[in-house]
Amino acid sequence: MMDNGNLTFTDDSIKLVEVVADSPISNTQSIKTLIIDKNGKHYISLQKWWREAKETPWREGKGFHFEPAEAKGAVEALKKALDALTRMD
């Protein structure tokens, strides 16, 4: 897992609860799955993160903050898409 100690959220009301998964793309890009707290409510965050250099903080990129029911629907849809793609190969 990459260094996740210095994540910079664009919304100050968001607090990191847990890093669940980290899929490095390079030393300066990563897709992170997090549990976050936003205004007292927990969400699953699936986002691309970037930084200018290995020594600089991670910056939040594009992605999603899912409520649990939304996450379940997204997982099911991604599974269907992956299955369909696998059949094409």
N, C-alpha and C. Protein backbone atom coordinates (compact mmCIF):
# COMPACT_ATOMS: atom_id res chain seq x y z
N MET A 1 0.84 -1.17 0.00
CA MET A 1 0.00 0.00 0.00
C MET A 1 0.89 1.24 0.00
N MET A 2 0.48 2.23 -0.77
CA MET A 2 1.27 3.45 -0.87
C MET A 2 1.10 4.31 0.38
N ASP A 3 1.93 5.32 0.51
CA ASP A 3 1.85 6.25 1.64
C ASP A 3 0.50 6.98 1.61
N ASN A 4 -0.33 6.73 2.61
CA ASN A 4 -1.65 7.35 2.68
C ASN A 4 -1.79 8.28 3.87
N GLY A 5 -0.68 8.64 4.48
CA GLY A 5 -0.74 9.46 5.68
C GLY A 5 -1.04 10.92 5.42
N ASN A 6 -0.98 11.34 4.18
CA ASN A 6 -1.13 12.76 3.89
C ASN A 6 -2.11 12.96 2.73
N LEU A 7 -3.41 12.76 3.01
CA LEU A 7 -4.45 12.92 2.00
C LEU A 7 -5.10 14.29 2.18
N THR A 8 -5.20 15.05 1.10
CA THR A 8 -5.79 16.38 1.15
C THR A 8 -7.16 16.35 0.46
N PHE A 9 -8.22 16.48 1.26
CA PHE A 9 -9.57 16.52 0.71
C PHE A 9 -9.93 17.94 0.31
N THR A 10 -10.70 18.09 -0.76
CA THR A 10 -11.11 19.43 -1.20
C THR A 10 -12.21 20.00 -0.31
N ASP A 11 -12.95 19.14 0.37
CA ASP A 11 -14.03 19.55 1.27
C ASP A 11 -13.55 19.37 2.71
N ASP A 12 -13.45 20.47 3.45
CA ASP A 12 -12.94 20.42 4.83
C ASP A 12 -13.83 19.63 5.79
N SER A 13 -15.09 19.36 5.40
CA SER A 13 -15.99 18.61 6.28
C SER A 13 -15.73 17.11 6.21
N ILE A 14 -14.88 16.66 5.29
CA ILE A 14 -14.58 15.24 5.12
C ILE A 14 -13.39 14.85 5.99
N LYS A 15 -13.57 13.76 6.73
CA LYS A 15 -12.50 13.21 7.56
C LYS A 15 -12.28 11.76 7.18
N LEU A 16 -11.03 11.35 7.09
CA LEU A 16 -10.69 9.97 6.78
C LEU A 16 -10.97 9.08 7.98
N VAL A 17 -11.68 7.98 7.74
CA VAL A 17 -11.93 6.99 8.78
C VAL A 17 -10.97 5.81 8.58
N GLU A 18 -10.88 5.31 7.33
CA GLU A 18 -10.03 4.15 7.07
C GLU A 18 -9.68 4.07 5.58
N VAL A 19 -8.45 3.68 5.29
CA VAL A 19 -8.04 3.33 3.93
C VAL A 19 -8.33 1.84 3.77
N VAL A 20 -9.25 1.51 2.89
CA VAL A 20 -9.65 0.12 2.68
C VAL A 20 -8.77 -0.54 1.62
N ALA A 21 -8.51 0.19 0.54
CA ALA A 21 -7.68 -0.36 -0.54
C ALA A 21 -6.98 0.78 -1.25
N ASP A 22 -5.84 0.44 -1.84
CA ASP A 22 -5.04 1.41 -2.58
C ASP A 22 -4.48 0.70 -3.80
N SER A 23 -4.87 1.18 -4.98
CA SER A 23 -4.39 0.58 -6.23
C SER A 23 -3.48 1.57 -6.94
N PRO A 24 -2.17 1.45 -6.72
CA PRO A 24 -1.23 2.39 -7.34
C PRO A 24 -1.24 2.29 -8.86
N ILE A 25 -1.20 3.44 -9.49
CA ILE A 25 -1.03 3.52 -10.94
C ILE A 25 0.43 3.87 -11.22
N SER A 26 0.96 4.78 -10.40
CA SER A 26 2.36 5.19 -10.47
C SER A 26 2.71 5.81 -9.11
N ASN A 27 3.91 6.38 -8.99
CA ASN A 27 4.28 7.05 -7.73
C ASN A 27 3.47 8.32 -7.48
N THR A 28 2.81 8.82 -8.54
CA THR A 28 2.07 10.07 -8.40
C THR A 28 0.57 9.92 -8.65
N GLN A 29 0.09 8.70 -8.92
CA GLN A 29 -1.33 8.47 -9.15
C GLN A 29 -1.76 7.17 -8.47
N SER A 30 -2.99 7.19 -7.93
CA SER A 30 -3.49 6.02 -7.24
C SER A 30 -5.02 6.07 -7.23
N ILE A 31 -5.65 4.90 -7.21
CA ILE A 31 -7.08 4.81 -6.99
C ILE A 31 -7.25 4.26 -5.59
N LYS A 32 -7.93 5.04 -4.75
CA LYS A 32 -8.06 4.68 -3.34
C LYS A 32 -9.53 4.43 -2.99
N THR A 33 -9.76 3.39 -2.20
CA THR A 33 -11.07 3.10 -1.64
C THR A 33 -10.98 3.40 -0.16
N LEU A 34 -11.82 4.33 0.28
CA LEU A 34 -11.75 4.82 1.65
C LEU A 34 -13.11 4.76 2.31
N ILE A 35 -13.11 4.74 3.62
CA ILE A 35 -14.31 5.04 4.38
C ILE A 35 -14.08 6.44 4.93
N ILE A 36 -15.04 7.32 4.66
CA ILE A 36 -14.91 8.71 5.09
C ILE A 36 -16.10 9.10 5.95
N ASP A 37 -15.91 10.14 6.72
CA ASP A 37 -16.99 10.75 7.49
C ASP A 37 -17.21 12.14 6.91
N LYS A 38 -18.45 12.41 6.52
CA LYS A 38 -18.81 13.73 6.02
C LYS A 38 -20.02 14.21 6.81
N ASN A 39 -19.79 15.20 7.63
CA ASN A 39 -20.86 15.77 8.47
C ASN A 39 -21.53 14.72 9.33
N GLY A 40 -20.74 13.80 9.88
CA GLY A 40 -21.28 12.79 10.79
C GLY A 40 -21.87 11.57 10.12
N LYS A 41 -21.80 11.47 8.81
CA LYS A 41 -22.34 10.32 8.09
C LYS A 41 -21.20 9.62 7.34
N HIS A 42 -21.19 8.30 7.37
CA HIS A 42 -20.13 7.53 6.71
C HIS A 42 -20.48 7.23 5.25
N TYR A 43 -19.45 7.30 4.41
CA TYR A 43 -19.56 7.00 2.99
C TYR A 43 -18.38 6.13 2.58
N ILE A 44 -18.55 5.44 1.45
CA ILE A 44 -17.44 4.75 0.80
C ILE A 44 -16.97 5.66 -0.32
N SER A 45 -15.71 6.00 -0.29
CA SER A 45 -15.12 6.87 -1.30
C SER A 45 -14.28 6.03 -2.25
N LEU A 46 -14.53 6.16 -3.54
CA LEU A 46 -13.73 5.51 -4.58
C LEU A 46 -13.28 6.61 -5.50
N GLN A 47 -11.98 6.96 -5.41
CA GLN A 47 -11.49 8.11 -6.14
C GLN A 47 -10.07 7.92 -6.64
N LYS A 48 -9.79 8.66 -7.69
CA LYS A 48 -8.42 8.76 -8.16
C LYS A 48 -7.75 9.87 -7.36
N TRP A 49 -6.52 9.63 -6.93
CA TRP A 49 -5.73 10.60 -6.19
C TRP A 49 -4.45 10.86 -6.94
N TRP A 50 -3.88 12.05 -6.81
CA TRP A 50 -2.65 12.40 -7.51
C TRP A 50 -1.80 13.29 -6.60
N ARG A 51 -0.55 13.38 -6.95
CA ARG A 51 0.39 14.28 -6.28
C ARG A 51 1.47 14.66 -7.27
N GLU A 52 2.08 15.79 -7.04
CA GLU A 52 3.09 16.30 -7.97
C GLU A 52 4.39 15.51 -7.89
N ALA A 53 4.73 15.05 -6.70
CA ALA A 53 5.95 14.28 -6.50
C ALA A 53 5.74 13.33 -5.33
N LYS A 54 6.59 12.34 -5.21
CA LYS A 54 6.45 11.33 -4.16
C LYS A 54 6.43 11.94 -2.76
N GLU A 55 7.08 13.08 -2.58
CA GLU A 55 7.19 13.71 -1.27
C GLU A 55 6.03 14.65 -0.95
N THR A 56 5.15 14.92 -1.91
CA THR A 56 4.07 15.89 -1.69
C THR A 56 2.77 15.19 -1.30
N PRO A 57 1.84 15.92 -0.70
CA PRO A 57 0.58 15.31 -0.26
C PRO A 57 -0.27 14.81 -1.43
N TRP A 58 -1.07 13.79 -1.14
CA TRP A 58 -2.04 13.30 -2.13
C TRP A 58 -3.17 14.30 -2.23
N ARG A 59 -3.62 14.55 -3.47
CA ARG A 59 -4.74 15.45 -3.72
C ARG A 59 -5.90 14.66 -4.30
N GLU A 60 -7.06 14.99 -3.83
CA GLU A 60 -8.27 14.30 -4.26
C GLU A 60 -8.57 14.61 -5.72
N GLY A 61 -8.85 13.56 -6.48
CA GLY A 61 -9.24 13.72 -7.87
C GLY A 61 -10.70 13.34 -8.05
N LYS A 62 -11.05 12.97 -9.25
CA LYS A 62 -12.43 12.60 -9.55
C LYS A 62 -12.78 11.25 -8.96
N GLY A 63 -14.05 11.10 -8.63
CA GLY A 63 -14.50 9.83 -8.09
C GLY A 63 -15.88 9.95 -7.49
N PHE A 64 -16.18 9.04 -6.58
CA PHE A 64 -17.52 8.94 -6.02
C PHE A 64 -17.48 8.78 -4.51
N HIS A 65 -18.50 9.33 -3.85
CA HIS A 65 -18.76 9.09 -2.43
C HIS A 65 -20.11 8.37 -2.38
N PHE A 66 -20.08 7.08 -2.08
CA PHE A 66 -21.29 6.26 -2.10
C PHE A 66 -21.87 6.06 -0.71
N GLU A 67 -23.19 6.12 -0.61
CA GLU A 67 -23.89 5.60 0.56
C GLU A 67 -23.87 4.07 0.39
N PRO A 68 -24.05 3.31 1.47
CA PRO A 68 -23.96 1.85 1.36
C PRO A 68 -24.83 1.23 0.25
N ALA A 69 -26.08 1.65 0.12
CA ALA A 69 -26.96 1.09 -0.91
C ALA A 69 -26.46 1.44 -2.32
N GLU A 70 -25.93 2.65 -2.48
CA GLU A 70 -25.39 3.07 -3.77
C GLU A 70 -24.15 2.23 -4.11
N ALA A 71 -23.32 1.96 -3.11
CA ALA A 71 -22.12 1.16 -3.34
C ALA A 71 -22.49 -0.25 -3.80
N LYS A 72 -23.50 -0.82 -3.17
CA LYS A 72 -23.93 -2.16 -3.55
C LYS A 72 -24.38 -2.18 -5.01
N GLY A 73 -25.17 -1.21 -5.42
CA GLY A 73 -25.61 -1.12 -6.82
C GLY A 73 -24.45 -0.94 -7.78
N ALA A 74 -23.48 -0.12 -7.39
CA ALA A 74 -22.31 0.12 -8.25
C ALA A 74 -21.47 -1.15 -8.39
N VAL A 75 -21.30 -1.88 -7.30
CA VAL A 75 -20.53 -3.14 -7.34
C VAL A 75 -21.21 -4.14 -8.27
N GLU A 76 -22.52 -4.25 -8.17
CA GLU A 76 -23.26 -5.17 -9.03
C GLU A 76 -23.14 -4.77 -10.50
N ALA A 77 -23.24 -3.48 -10.79
CA ALA A 77 -23.11 -3.00 -12.17
C ALA A 77 -21.70 -3.23 -12.70
N LEU A 78 -20.68 -2.98 -11.88
CA LEU A 78 -19.30 -3.21 -12.30
C LEU A 78 -19.05 -4.69 -12.56
N LYS A 79 -19.62 -5.55 -11.74
CA LYS A 79 -19.48 -7.00 -11.95
C LYS A 79 -20.08 -7.41 -13.28
N LYS A 80 -21.27 -6.89 -13.60
CA LYS A 80 -21.91 -7.19 -14.88
C LYS A 80 -21.04 -6.71 -16.05
N ALA A 81 -20.50 -5.51 -15.91
CA ALA A 81 -19.65 -4.97 -16.98
C ALA A 81 -18.37 -5.79 -17.14
N LEU A 82 -17.77 -6.20 -16.03
CA LEU A 82 -16.57 -7.03 -16.09
C LEU A 82 -16.87 -8.38 -16.72
N ASP A 83 -17.99 -8.99 -16.34
CA ASP A 83 -18.39 -10.26 -16.94
C ASP A 83 -18.60 -10.12 -18.45
N ALA A 84 -19.26 -9.05 -18.85
CA ALA A 84 -19.52 -8.81 -20.28
C ALA A 84 -18.21 -8.61 -21.03
N LEU A 85 -17.32 -7.84 -20.45
CA LEU A 85 -16.02 -7.58 -21.08
C LEU A 85 -15.21 -8.86 -21.19
N THR A 86 -15.25 -9.70 -20.16
CA THR A 86 -14.51 -10.96 -20.16
C THR A 86 -15.02 -11.88 -21.27
N ARG A 87 -16.32 -11.87 -21.48
CA ARG A 87 -16.89 -12.70 -22.56
C ARG A 87 -16.44 -12.24 -23.94
N MET A 88 -16.11 -10.95 -24.08
CA MET A 88 -15.68 -10.41 -25.37
C MET A 88 -14.26 -10.83 -25.73
N ASP A 89 -13.46 -11.13 -24.72
CA ASP A 89 -12.04 -11.46 -24.97
C ASP A 89 -11.85 -12.88 -25.45
